[in-house]
PDB file of N, CA and C in Angstrom:
ATOM      1  N   ILE A   1     102.388  -6.138  61.703  1.00  0.00           N
ATOM      2  CA  ILE A   1     103.522  -7.037  61.804  1.00  0.00           C
ATOM      3  C   ILE A   1     104.734  -6.205  62.214  1.00  0.00           C
ATOM      4  N   PRO A   2     105.392  -6.581  63.290  1.00  0.00           N
ATOM      5  CA  PRO A   2     106.607  -5.856  63.674  1.00  0.00           C
ATOM      6  C   PRO A   2     107.676  -5.945  62.587  1.00  0.00           C
ATOM      7  N   SER A   3     108.584  -4.997  62.607  1.00  0.00           N
ATOM      8  CA  SER A   3     109.601  -4.901  61.561  1.00  0.00           C
ATOM      9  C   SER A   3     110.453  -6.166  61.464  1.00  0.00           C
ATOM     10  N   GLN A   4     110.768  -6.775  62.590  1.00  0.00           N
ATOM     11  CA  GLN A   4     111.601  -7.978  62.564  1.00  0.00           C
ATOM     12  C   GLN A   4     110.887  -9.123  61.857  1.00  0.00           C
ATOM     13  N   ARG A   5     109.597  -9.244  62.052  1.00  0.00           N
ATOM     14  CA  ARG A   5     108.847 -10.296  61.361  1.00  0.00           C
ATOM     15  C   ARG A   5     108.801 -10.034  59.861  1.00  0.00           C
ATOM     16  N   ALA A   6     108.677  -8.778  59.483  1.00  0.00           N
ATOM     17  CA  ALA A   6     108.684  -8.445  58.056  1.00  0.00           C
ATOM     18  C   ALA A   6     110.018  -8.837  57.438  1.00  0.00           C
ATOM     19  N   LYS A   7     111.109  -8.612  58.153  1.00  0.00           N
ATOM     20  CA  LYS A   7     112.428  -9.005  57.658  1.00  0.00           C
ATOM     21  C   LYS A   7     112.509 -10.518  57.518  1.00  0.00           C
ATOM     22  N   THR A   8     111.980 -11.248  58.480  1.00  0.00           N
ATOM     23  CA  THR A   8     111.997 -12.708  58.420  1.00  0.00           C
ATOM     24  C   THR A   8     111.196 -13.210  57.228  1.00  0.00           C
ATOM     25  N   ILE A   9     110.031 -12.630  57.000  1.00  0.00           N
ATOM     26  CA  ILE A   9     109.190 -13.026  55.865  1.00  0.00           C
ATOM     27  C   ILE A   9     109.882 -12.687  54.552  1.00  0.00           C
ATOM     28  N   PHE A  10     110.485 -11.506  54.477  1.00  0.00           N
ATOM     29  CA  PHE A  10     111.187 -11.102  53.257  1.00  0.00           C
ATOM     30  C   PHE A  10     112.370 -12.030  52.989  1.00  0.00           C
ATOM     31  N   ASP A  11     113.129 -12.360  54.031  1.00  0.00           N
ATOM     32  CA  ASP A  11     114.264 -13.273  53.867  1.00  0.00           C
ATOM     33  C   ASP A  11     113.804 -14.650  53.402  1.00  0.00           C
ATOM     34  N   PHE A  12     112.693 -15.125  53.954  1.00  0.00           N
ATOM     35  CA  PHE A  12     112.157 -16.425  53.557  1.00  0.00           C
ATOM     36  C   PHE A  12     111.737 -16.413  52.088  1.00  0.00           C
ATOM     37  N   ALA A  13     111.060 -15.358  51.667  1.00  0.00           N
ATOM     38  CA  ALA A  13     110.633 -15.248  50.268  1.00  0.00           C
ATOM     39  C   ALA A  13     111.844 -15.163  49.340  1.00  0.00           C
ATOM     40  N   ASP A  14     112.838 -14.413  49.741  1.00  0.00           N
ATOM     41  CA  ASP A  14     114.071 -14.306  48.955  1.00  0.00           C
ATOM     42  C   ASP A  14     114.739 -15.673  48.825  1.00  0.00           C
ATOM     43  N   ASP A  15     114.793 -16.413  49.910  1.00  0.00           N
ATOM     44  CA  ASP A  15     115.382 -17.753  49.885  1.00  0.00           C
ATOM     45  C   ASP A  15     114.572 -18.699  48.999  1.00  0.00           C
ATOM     46  N   LEU A  16     113.248 -18.588  49.044  1.00  0.00           N
ATOM     47  CA  LEU A  16     112.409 -19.425  48.180  1.00  0.00           C
ATOM     48  C   LEU A  16     112.701 -19.161  46.708  1.00  0.00           C
ATOM     49  N   LEU A  17     112.845 -17.903  46.342  1.00  0.00           N
ATOM     50  CA  LEU A  17     113.144 -17.580  44.946  1.00  0.00           C
ATOM     51  C   LEU A  17     114.519 -18.088  44.525  1.00  0.00           C
ATOM     52  N   ARG A  18     115.481 -17.960  45.409  1.00  0.00           N
ATOM     53  CA  ARG A  18     116.838 -18.381  45.060  1.00  0.00           C
ATOM     54  C   ARG A  18     116.965 -19.900  44.967  1.00  0.00           C
ATOM     55  N   THR A  19     116.195 -20.631  45.755  1.00  0.00           N
ATOM     56  CA  THR A  19     116.319 -22.089  45.773  1.00  0.00           C
ATOM     57  C   THR A  19     115.213 -22.793  45.002  1.00  0.00           C
ATOM     58  N   ALA A  20     114.393 -22.060  44.298  1.00  0.00           N
ATOM     59  CA  ALA A  20     113.255 -22.675  43.605  1.00  0.00           C
ATOM     60  C   ALA A  20     113.692 -23.648  42.531  1.00  0.00           C
ATOM     61  N   THR A  21     114.822 -23.403  41.918  1.00  0.00           N
ATOM     62  CA  THR A  21     115.239 -24.245  40.799  1.00  0.00           C
ATOM     63  C   THR A  21     116.247 -25.316  41.189  1.00  0.00           C
ATOM     64  N   THR A  22     116.576 -25.415  42.475  1.00  0.00           N
ATOM     65  CA  THR A  22     117.499 -26.471  42.883  1.00  0.00           C
ATOM     66  C   THR A  22     116.813 -27.817  42.758  1.00  0.00           C
ATOM     67  N   SER A  23     117.586 -28.825  42.535  1.00  0.00           N
ATOM     68  CA  SER A  23     117.002 -30.155  42.346  1.00  0.00           C
ATOM     69  C   SER A  23     116.371 -30.637  43.645  1.00  0.00           C
ATOM     70  N   ILE A  24     115.286 -31.336  43.501  1.00  0.00           N
ATOM     71  CA  ILE A  24     114.537 -31.843  44.639  1.00  0.00           C
ATOM     72  C   ILE A  24     114.715 -33.351  44.660  1.00  0.00           C
ATOM     73  N   ALA A  25     115.497 -33.822  45.609  1.00  0.00           N
ATOM     74  CA  ALA A  25     115.804 -35.249  45.674  1.00  0.00           C
ATOM     75  C   ALA A  25     114.563 -36.038  46.066  1.00  0.00           C
ATOM     76  N   GLY A  26     114.384 -37.170  45.431  1.00  0.00           N
ATOM     77  CA  GLY A  26     113.281 -38.049  45.776  1.00  0.00           C
ATOM     78  C   GLY A  26     111.965 -37.706  45.111  1.00  0.00           C
ATOM     79  N   GLN A  27     111.923 -36.683  44.287  1.00  0.00           N
ATOM     80  CA  GLN A  27     110.690 -36.297  43.610  1.00  0.00           C
ATOM     81  C   GLN A  27     110.668 -36.883  42.208  1.00  0.00           C
ATOM     82  N   GLN A  28     109.478 -37.182  41.742  1.00  0.00           N
ATOM     83  CA  GLN A  28     109.338 -37.615  40.358  1.00  0.00           C
ATOM     84  C   GLN A  28     109.623 -36.421  39.456  1.00  0.00           C
ATOM     85  N   GLN A  29     110.192 -36.689  38.304  1.00  0.00           N
ATOM     86  CA  GLN A  29     110.556 -35.613  37.391  1.00  0.00           C
ATOM     87  C   GLN A  29     109.348 -34.795  36.956  1.00  0.00           C
ATOM     88  N   SER A  30     108.171 -35.415  36.884  1.00  0.00           N
ATOM     89  CA  SER A  30     106.979 -34.677  36.457  1.00  0.00           C
ATOM     90  C   SER A  30     106.481 -33.720  37.532  1.00  0.00           C
ATOM     91  N   LEU A  31     106.857 -33.952  38.794  1.00  0.00           N
ATOM     92  CA  LEU A  31     106.410 -33.085  39.882  1.00  0.00           C
ATOM     93  C   LEU A  31     107.314 -31.880  40.089  1.00  0.00           C
ATOM     94  N   ILE A  32     108.542 -31.953  39.617  1.00  0.00           N
ATOM     95  CA  ILE A  32     109.499 -30.879  39.874  1.00  0.00           C
ATOM     96  C   ILE A  32     109.038 -29.537  39.311  1.00  0.00           C
ATOM     97  N   PRO A  33     108.533 -29.441  38.066  1.00  0.00           N
ATOM     98  CA  PRO A  33     108.060 -28.131  37.592  1.00  0.00           C
ATOM     99  C   PRO A  33     106.925 -27.568  38.450  1.00  0.00           C
ATOM    100  N   ARG A  34     106.069 -28.421  38.958  1.00  0.00           N
ATOM    101  CA  ARG A  34     104.980 -27.936  39.823  1.00  0.00           C
ATOM    102  C   ARG A  34     105.525 -27.367  41.124  1.00  0.00           C
ATOM    103  N   VAL A  35     106.522 -28.034  41.683  1.00  0.00           N
ATOM    104  CA  VAL A  35     107.118 -27.554  42.930  1.00  0.00           C
ATOM    105  C   VAL A  35     107.812 -26.215  42.701  1.00  0.00           C
ATOM    106  N   ILE A  36     108.536 -26.104  41.604  1.00  0.00           N
ATOM    107  CA  ILE A  36     109.211 -24.843  41.274  1.00  0.00           C
ATOM    108  C   ILE A  36     108.191 -23.726  41.105  1.00  0.00           C
ATOM    109  N   LEU A  37     107.116 -24.007  40.406  1.00  0.00           N
ATOM    110  CA  LEU A  37     106.073 -23.009  40.186  1.00  0.00           C
ATOM    111  C   LEU A  37     105.437 -22.579  41.502  1.00  0.00           C
ATOM    112  N   GLN A  38     105.139 -23.525  42.377  1.00  0.00           N
ATOM    113  CA  GLN A  38     104.522 -23.188  43.655  1.00  0.00           C
ATOM    114  C   GLN A  38     105.467 -22.387  44.546  1.00  0.00           C
ATOM    115  N   ARG A  39     106.740 -22.748  44.560  1.00  0.00           N
ATOM    116  CA  ARG A  39     107.707 -21.985  45.361  1.00  0.00           C
ATOM    117  C   ARG A  39     107.824 -20.556  44.842  1.00  0.00           C
ATOM    118  N   THR A  40     107.857 -20.407  43.530  1.00  0.00           N
ATOM    119  CA  THR A  40     107.978 -19.080  42.937  1.00  0.00           C
ATOM    120  C   THR A  40     106.742 -18.237  43.233  1.00  0.00           C
ATOM    121  N   HIS A  41     105.564 -18.811  43.062  1.00  0.00           N
ATOM    122  CA  HIS A  41     104.327 -18.074  43.361  1.00  0.00           C
ATOM    123  C   HIS A  41     104.270 -17.684  44.830  1.00  0.00           C
ATOM    124  N   THR A  42     104.612 -18.611  45.706  1.00  0.00           N
ATOM    125  CA  THR A  42     104.578 -18.322  47.139  1.00  0.00           C
ATOM    126  C   THR A  42     105.532 -17.186  47.485  1.00  0.00           C
ATOM    127  N   ALA A  43     106.721 -17.229  46.933  1.00  0.00           N
ATOM    128  CA  ALA A  43     107.707 -16.188  47.224  1.00  0.00           C
ATOM    129  C   ALA A  43     107.219 -14.816  46.774  1.00  0.00           C
ATOM    130  N   TRP A  44     106.667 -14.724  45.558  1.00  0.00           N
ATOM    131  CA  TRP A  44     106.197 -13.419  45.071  1.00  0.00           C
ATOM    132  C   TRP A  44     104.978 -12.940  45.844  1.00  0.00           C
ATOM    133  N   HIS A  45     104.133 -13.853  46.293  1.00  0.00           N
ATOM    134  CA  HIS A  45     102.987 -13.443  47.116  1.00  0.00           C
ATOM    135  C   HIS A  45     103.458 -12.915  48.472  1.00  0.00           C
ATOM    136  N   LEU A  46     104.453 -13.553  49.061  1.00  0.00           N
ATOM    137  CA  LEU A  46     104.997 -13.063  50.325  1.00  0.00           C
ATOM    138  C   LEU A  46     105.656 -11.696  50.149  1.00  0.00           C
ATOM    139  N   LEU A  47     106.377 -11.514  49.056  1.00  0.00           N
ATOM    140  CA  LEU A  47     106.990 -10.207  48.793  1.00  0.00           C
ATOM    141  C   LEU A  47     105.933  -9.130  48.579  1.00  0.00           C
ATOM    142  N   ALA A  48     104.864  -9.472  47.883  1.00  0.00           N
ATOM    143  CA  ALA A  48     103.769  -8.514  47.679  1.00  0.00           C
ATOM    144  C   ALA A  48     103.110  -8.163  49.003  1.00  0.00           C
ATOM    145  N   ALA A  49     102.958  -9.144  49.875  1.00  0.00           N
ATOM    146  CA  ALA A  49     102.373  -8.875  51.190  1.00  0.00           C
ATOM    147  C   ALA A  49     103.274  -7.948  52.000  1.00  0.00           C
ATOM    148  N   CYS A  50     104.570  -8.135  51.913  1.00  0.00           N
ATOM    149  CA  CYS A  50     105.500  -7.242  52.616  1.00  0.00           C
ATOM    150  C   CYS A  50     105.397  -5.815  52.090  1.00  0.00           C
ATOM    151  N   CYS A  51     105.160  -5.670  50.801  1.00  0.00           N
ATOM    152  CA  CYS A  51     105.056  -4.335  50.203  1.00  0.00           C
ATOM    153  C   CYS A  51     103.828  -3.581  50.684  1.00  0.00           C
ATOM    154  N   THR A  52     102.825  -4.269  51.174  1.00  0.00           N
ATOM    155  CA  THR A  52     101.614  -3.601  51.653  1.00  0.00           C
ATOM    156  C   THR A  52     101.741  -3.126  53.094  1.00  0.00           C
ATOM    157  N   LEU A  53     102.865  -3.375  53.736  1.00  0.00           N
ATOM    158  CA  LEU A  53     103.027  -3.020  55.144  1.00  0.00           C
ATOM    159  C   LEU A  53     103.342  -1.550  55.367  1.00  0.00           C
ATOM    160  N   GLY A  54     103.614  -0.841  54.304  1.00  0.00           N
ATOM    161  CA  GLY A  54     103.829   0.591  54.445  1.00  0.00           C
ATOM    162  C   GLY A  54     105.245   1.010  54.132  1.00  0.00           C
ATOM    163  N   GLN A  55     105.385   2.297  53.967  1.00  0.00           N
ATOM    164  CA  GLN A  55     106.645   2.883  53.530  1.00  0.00           C
ATOM    165  C   GLN A  55     107.764   2.665  54.538  1.00  0.00           C
ATOM    166  N   GLN A  56     107.485   2.807  55.812  1.00  0.00           N
ATOM    167  CA  GLN A  56     108.528   2.680  56.827  1.00  0.00           C
ATOM    168  C   GLN A  56     109.108   1.275  56.889  1.00  0.00           C
ATOM    169  N   VAL A  57     108.267   0.282  56.653  1.00  0.00           N
ATOM    170  CA  VAL A  57     108.723  -1.106  56.728  1.00  0.00           C
ATOM    171  C   VAL A  57     109.467  -1.505  55.464  1.00  0.00           C
ATOM    172  N   ILE A  58     108.912  -1.175  54.318  1.00  0.00           N
ATOM    173  CA  ILE A  58     109.465  -1.655  53.048  1.00  0.00           C
ATOM    174  C   ILE A  58     110.700  -0.861  52.615  1.00  0.00           C
ATOM    175  N   LYS A  59     110.889   0.321  53.184  1.00  0.00           N
ATOM    176  CA  LYS A  59     112.009   1.179  52.790  1.00  0.00           C
ATOM    177  C   LYS A  59     113.351   0.448  52.908  1.00  0.00           C
ATOM    178  N   LYS A  60     113.481  -0.406  53.911  1.00  0.00           N
ATOM    179  CA  LYS A  60     114.733  -1.131  54.118  1.00  0.00           C
ATOM    180  C   LYS A  60     114.975  -2.205  53.063  1.00  0.00           C
ATOM    181  N   PHE A  61     113.894  -2.684  52.445  1.00  0.00           N
ATOM    182  CA  PHE A  61     114.004  -3.815  51.534  1.00  0.00           C
ATOM    183  C   PHE A  61     114.006  -3.427  50.057  1.00  0.00           C
ATOM    184  N   VAL A  62     113.874  -2.167  49.753  1.00  0.00           N
ATOM    185  CA  VAL A  62     113.780  -1.732  48.354  1.00  0.00           C
ATOM    186  C   VAL A  62     115.001  -2.147  47.525  1.00  0.00           C
ATOM    187  N   PRO A  63     116.235  -1.975  48.006  1.00  0.00           N
ATOM    188  CA  PRO A  63     117.373  -2.396  47.168  1.00  0.00           C
ATOM    189  C   PRO A  63     117.353  -3.893  46.833  1.00  0.00           C
ATOM    190  N   ARG A  64     117.003  -4.714  47.803  1.00  0.00           N
ATOM    191  CA  ARG A  64     116.933  -6.160  47.547  1.00  0.00           C
ATOM    192  C   ARG A  64     115.774  -6.495  46.623  1.00  0.00           C
ATOM    193  N   LEU A  65     114.669  -5.795  46.770  1.00  0.00           N
ATOM    194  CA  LEU A  65     113.509  -6.034  45.921  1.00  0.00           C
ATOM    195  C   LEU A  65     113.809  -5.650  44.472  1.00  0.00           C
ATOM    196  N   VAL A  66     114.493  -4.544  44.281  1.00  0.00           N
ATOM    197  CA  VAL A  66     114.877  -4.124  42.930  1.00  0.00           C
ATOM    198  C   VAL A  66     115.820  -5.150  42.307  1.00  0.00           C
ATOM    199  N   LEU A  67     116.737  -5.685  43.097  1.00  0.00           N
ATOM    200  CA  LEU A  67     117.643  -6.718  42.590  1.00  0.00           C
ATOM    201  C   LEU A  67     116.872  -7.968  42.160  1.00  0.00           C
ATOM    202  N   LEU A  68     115.872  -8.365  42.939  1.00  0.00           N
ATOM    203  CA  LEU A  68     115.043  -9.515  42.555  1.00  0.00           C
ATOM    204  C   LEU A  68     114.293  -9.232  41.259  1.00  0.00           C
ATOM    205  N   TRP A  69     113.742  -8.025  41.134  1.00  0.00           N
ATOM    206  CA  TRP A  69     113.031  -7.666  39.905  1.00  0.00           C
ATOM    207  C   TRP A  69     113.975  -7.684  38.705  1.00  0.00           C
ATOM    208  N   ARG A  70     115.196  -7.190  38.880  1.00  0.00           N
ATOM    209  CA  ARG A  70     116.163  -7.193  37.775  1.00  0.00           C
ATOM    210  C   ARG A  70     116.497  -8.611  37.331  1.00  0.00           C
ATOM    211  N   ASN A  71     116.594  -9.523  38.288  1.00  0.00           N
ATOM    212  CA  ASN A  71     116.901 -10.911  37.938  1.00  0.00           C
ATOM    213  C   ASN A  71     115.744 -11.585  37.217  1.00  0.00           C
ATOM    214  N   VAL A  72     114.529 -11.181  37.519  1.00  0.00           N
ATOM    215  CA  VAL A  72     113.352 -11.789  36.900  1.00  0.00           C
ATOM    216  C   VAL A  72     113.086 -11.193  35.527  1.00  0.00           C
ATOM    217  N   PHE A  73     113.293  -9.889  35.382  1.00  0.00           N
ATOM    218  CA  PHE A  73     113.005  -9.198  34.131  1.00  0.00           C
ATOM    219  C   PHE A  73     114.298  -8.673  33.509  1.00  0.00           C
ATOM    220  N   PRO A  74     115.105  -9.558  32.908  1.00  0.00           N
ATOM    221  CA  PRO A  74     116.352  -9.076  32.302  1.00  0.00           C
ATOM    222  C   PRO A  74     116.068  -8.228  31.073  1.00  0.00           C
ATOM    223  N   ARG A  75     117.023  -7.444  30.687  1.00  0.00           N
ATOM    224  CA  ARG A  75     116.853  -6.559  29.531  1.00  0.00           C
ATOM    225  C   ARG A  75     116.958  -7.294  28.257  1.00  0.00           C
TER     226      ARG A  75
END
């Protein structure tokens, strides 16, 4: 995957994590937790896939990835 595509995938995953908890208009209340869970899983799977692309590709994204980890695992 070229570096630009990796950036696009990383940005998409980051956006999915940030918007996972926003309200979903028109959805039944019982479906909203499932949608949030699926968005979160998809985002982390995409981030994990980006991490397998190698040191040269992921080196640019490490600060943002650490920030995401800090937000998920607070002290």
